[in-house]
């Protein structure tokens, strides 16, 4: 079977992948910025030192995940958490972020926006009708935390629904 090439396909393909690299690089800079700002404020470090430490730390964590996929012996572990066996350091990072930190972040966000923020600030930000705002506030205060806690308990293996 013969394939024909699209006129300018090499140029379009090259441009696509160059733009993809630029997008990935700018996204990486944006993600590292919060770690740099934290190190600058909490450790009283200069921007260069904070940037180098943040990049080095995240690079090392990336290497751990890469070597976990490659099956390096030093990345293989056997850790049992409720309902799951973690076999590598990548599994630990994946479990910590996906099963613990994401639901915890969602729960804290729901609690903050439902209970800590003032009603007027929330209503101004949402800019909805009063009846819709009351329904939203009820859901964020009572329904969302309960559902997020149930999801969290299921993810960590305490509940089996």
Protein backbone atom coordinates (compact mmCIF):
# COMPACT_ATOMS: atom_id res chain seq x y z
CA UNK A 1 0.00 0.00 0.00
CA UNK A 2 1.49 3.31 -1.05
CA UNK A 3 1.12 6.40 1.06
CA UNK A 4 1.10 9.82 -0.47
CA UNK A 5 2.59 12.71 1.40
CA UNK A 6 0.72 15.85 2.13
CA UNK A 7 2.18 18.90 0.42
CA UNK A 8 4.10 20.78 3.11
CA UNK A 9 3.56 17.93 5.57
CA UNK A 10 7.15 17.90 6.76
CA UNK A 11 7.01 21.65 7.37
CA UNK A 12 3.66 21.45 9.20
CA UNK A 13 4.82 18.45 11.25
CA UNK A 14 8.08 20.13 12.19
CA UNK A 15 6.27 23.34 13.15
CA UNK A 16 3.81 21.35 15.27
CA UNK A 17 6.52 19.60 17.26
CA UNK A 18 8.56 22.78 17.71
CA UNK A 19 5.46 24.50 19.11
CA UNK A 20 4.79 21.46 21.32
CA UNK A 21 8.29 21.73 22.80
CA UNK A 22 7.80 25.46 23.43
CA UNK A 23 4.42 24.80 25.10
CA UNK A 24 5.92 22.07 27.30
CA UNK A 25 8.85 24.30 28.27
CA UNK A 26 6.64 27.25 29.21
CA UNK A 27 4.34 24.96 31.19
CA UNK A 28 7.34 23.53 33.06
CA UNK A 29 8.49 27.06 33.92
CA UNK A 30 5.02 27.90 35.24
CA UNK A 31 4.93 24.75 37.40
CA UNK A 32 8.40 25.36 38.83
CA UNK A 33 7.56 28.98 39.68
CA UNK A 34 5.47 28.04 42.74
CA UNK A 35 8.33 25.97 44.17
CA UNK A 36 10.78 28.81 43.49
CA UNK A 37 8.49 31.37 45.16
CA UNK A 38 8.09 29.07 48.17
CA UNK A 39 11.85 28.63 48.57
CA UNK A 40 12.42 32.37 48.17
CA UNK A 41 9.88 33.25 50.85
CA UNK A 42 10.29 30.46 53.40
CA UNK A 43 14.04 29.82 53.13
CA UNK A 44 15.02 33.44 52.39
CA UNK A 45 17.01 32.33 49.35
CA UNK A 46 17.85 34.33 46.27
CA UNK A 47 16.00 33.62 43.05
CA UNK A 48 18.93 31.81 41.38
CA UNK A 49 19.54 29.48 44.32
CA UNK A 50 15.82 28.74 44.72
CA UNK A 51 15.49 28.07 40.98
CA UNK A 52 18.47 25.72 40.86
CA UNK A 53 17.34 23.79 43.95
CA UNK A 54 13.74 23.51 42.65
CA UNK A 55 14.82 22.35 39.19
CA UNK A 56 17.35 19.87 40.62
CA UNK A 57 14.80 18.42 43.05
CA UNK A 58 12.11 18.04 40.41
CA UNK A 59 14.63 16.61 37.94
CA UNK A 60 15.68 13.99 40.50
CA UNK A 61 12.04 13.06 41.14
CA UNK A 62 11.62 12.73 37.38
CA UNK A 63 14.62 10.42 37.23
CA UNK A 64 13.10 8.22 39.94
CA UNK A 65 9.94 7.81 37.88
CA UNK A 66 11.90 7.12 34.69
CA UNK A 67 14.03 4.47 36.38
CA UNK A 68 10.89 2.99 37.96
CA UNK A 69 9.46 2.41 34.48
CA UNK A 70 12.79 0.96 33.35
CA UNK A 71 12.66 -1.55 36.22
CA UNK A 72 15.80 -0.41 38.03
CA UNK A 73 16.22 -2.57 41.13
CA UNK A 74 16.73 0.39 43.47
CA UNK A 75 13.29 1.76 42.53
CA UNK A 76 11.44 -1.47 43.28
CA UNK A 77 9.75 -1.61 46.67
CA UNK A 78 6.94 -3.57 48.27
CA UNK A 79 4.76 -1.26 50.31
CA UNK A 80 1.24 -2.28 51.21
CA UNK A 81 -1.28 0.49 51.69
CA UNK A 82 -4.96 -0.26 52.33
CA UNK A 83 -6.28 -1.93 49.23
CA UNK A 84 -3.14 -1.59 47.11
CA UNK A 85 0.42 -2.86 46.76
CA UNK A 86 2.93 -0.23 45.70
CA UNK A 87 5.73 -1.87 43.74
CA UNK A 88 7.93 1.07 42.79
CA UNK A 89 8.70 4.66 43.71
CA UNK A 90 6.57 5.77 40.77
CA UNK A 91 3.64 3.91 42.34
CA UNK A 92 4.27 5.79 45.61
CA UNK A 93 4.30 9.17 43.83
CA UNK A 94 1.23 8.24 41.78
CA UNK A 95 -0.64 7.03 44.87
CA UNK A 96 0.31 10.08 46.93
CA UNK A 97 -0.77 12.56 44.26
CA UNK A 98 -3.77 10.78 42.74
CA UNK A 99 -5.28 9.13 45.79
CA UNK A 100 -4.32 11.48 48.61
CA UNK A 101 -3.33 14.99 47.49
CA UNK A 102 -5.96 15.54 44.77
CA UNK A 103 -8.96 14.61 46.95
CA UNK A 104 -7.45 16.48 49.90
CA UNK A 105 -6.98 19.58 47.74
CA UNK A 106 -10.57 19.33 46.50
CA UNK A 107 -11.86 18.94 50.05
CA UNK A 108 -9.89 21.94 51.29
CA UNK A 109 -11.08 23.99 48.33
CA UNK A 110 -14.70 23.08 49.00
CA UNK A 111 -14.34 23.86 52.72
CA UNK A 112 -12.63 27.16 52.01
CA UNK A 113 -15.08 28.34 49.37
CA UNK A 114 -18.12 27.13 51.34
CA UNK A 115 -17.20 28.09 54.89
CA UNK A 116 -14.28 30.55 54.94
CA UNK A 117 -15.07 32.92 52.07
CA UNK A 118 -17.79 35.42 52.84
CA UNK A 119 -21.14 34.94 51.16
CA UNK A 120 -20.89 38.31 49.46
CA UNK A 121 -17.42 37.59 48.05
CA UNK A 122 -18.55 34.21 46.71
CA UNK A 123 -21.72 35.66 45.22
CA UNK A 124 -19.79 38.51 43.59
CA UNK A 125 -17.30 36.07 42.06
CA UNK A 126 -19.93 33.66 40.78
CA UNK A 127 -22.26 36.43 39.56
CA UNK A 128 -25.32 34.15 39.45
CA UNK A 129 -28.96 34.46 40.39
CA UNK A 130 -29.65 34.30 44.15
CA UNK A 131 -31.47 30.96 43.89
CA UNK A 132 -28.61 29.37 41.95
CA UNK A 133 -26.10 30.78 44.44
CA UNK A 134 -28.00 29.30 47.39
CA UNK A 135 -28.06 25.90 45.66
CA UNK A 136 -24.33 26.18 44.91
CA UNK A 137 -23.53 27.16 48.50
CA UNK A 138 -25.53 24.23 49.88
CA UNK A 139 -23.76 21.81 47.53
CA UNK A 140 -20.29 23.20 48.34
CA UNK A 141 -20.90 23.24 52.08
CA UNK A 142 -22.67 19.94 52.62
CA UNK A 143 -22.75 17.73 49.55
CA UNK A 144 -19.25 18.17 48.06
CA UNK A 145 -17.25 17.50 51.27
CA UNK A 146 -19.21 14.31 52.00
CA UNK A 147 -18.79 13.01 48.44
CA UNK A 148 -15.09 13.94 48.38
CA UNK A 149 -14.52 12.16 51.70
CA UNK A 150 -16.29 9.05 50.36
CA UNK A 151 -14.17 9.16 47.19
CA UNK A 152 -11.01 9.65 49.27
CA UNK A 153 -11.84 6.71 51.54
CA UNK A 154 -12.51 4.55 48.50
CA UNK A 155 -9.25 5.61 46.81
CA UNK A 156 -7.16 4.77 49.87
CA UNK A 157 -8.91 1.44 50.28
CA UNK A 158 -10.86 2.07 53.48
CA UNK A 159 -14.26 1.82 51.71
CA UNK A 160 -15.08 -0.72 49.05
CA UNK A 161 -18.17 0.43 47.17
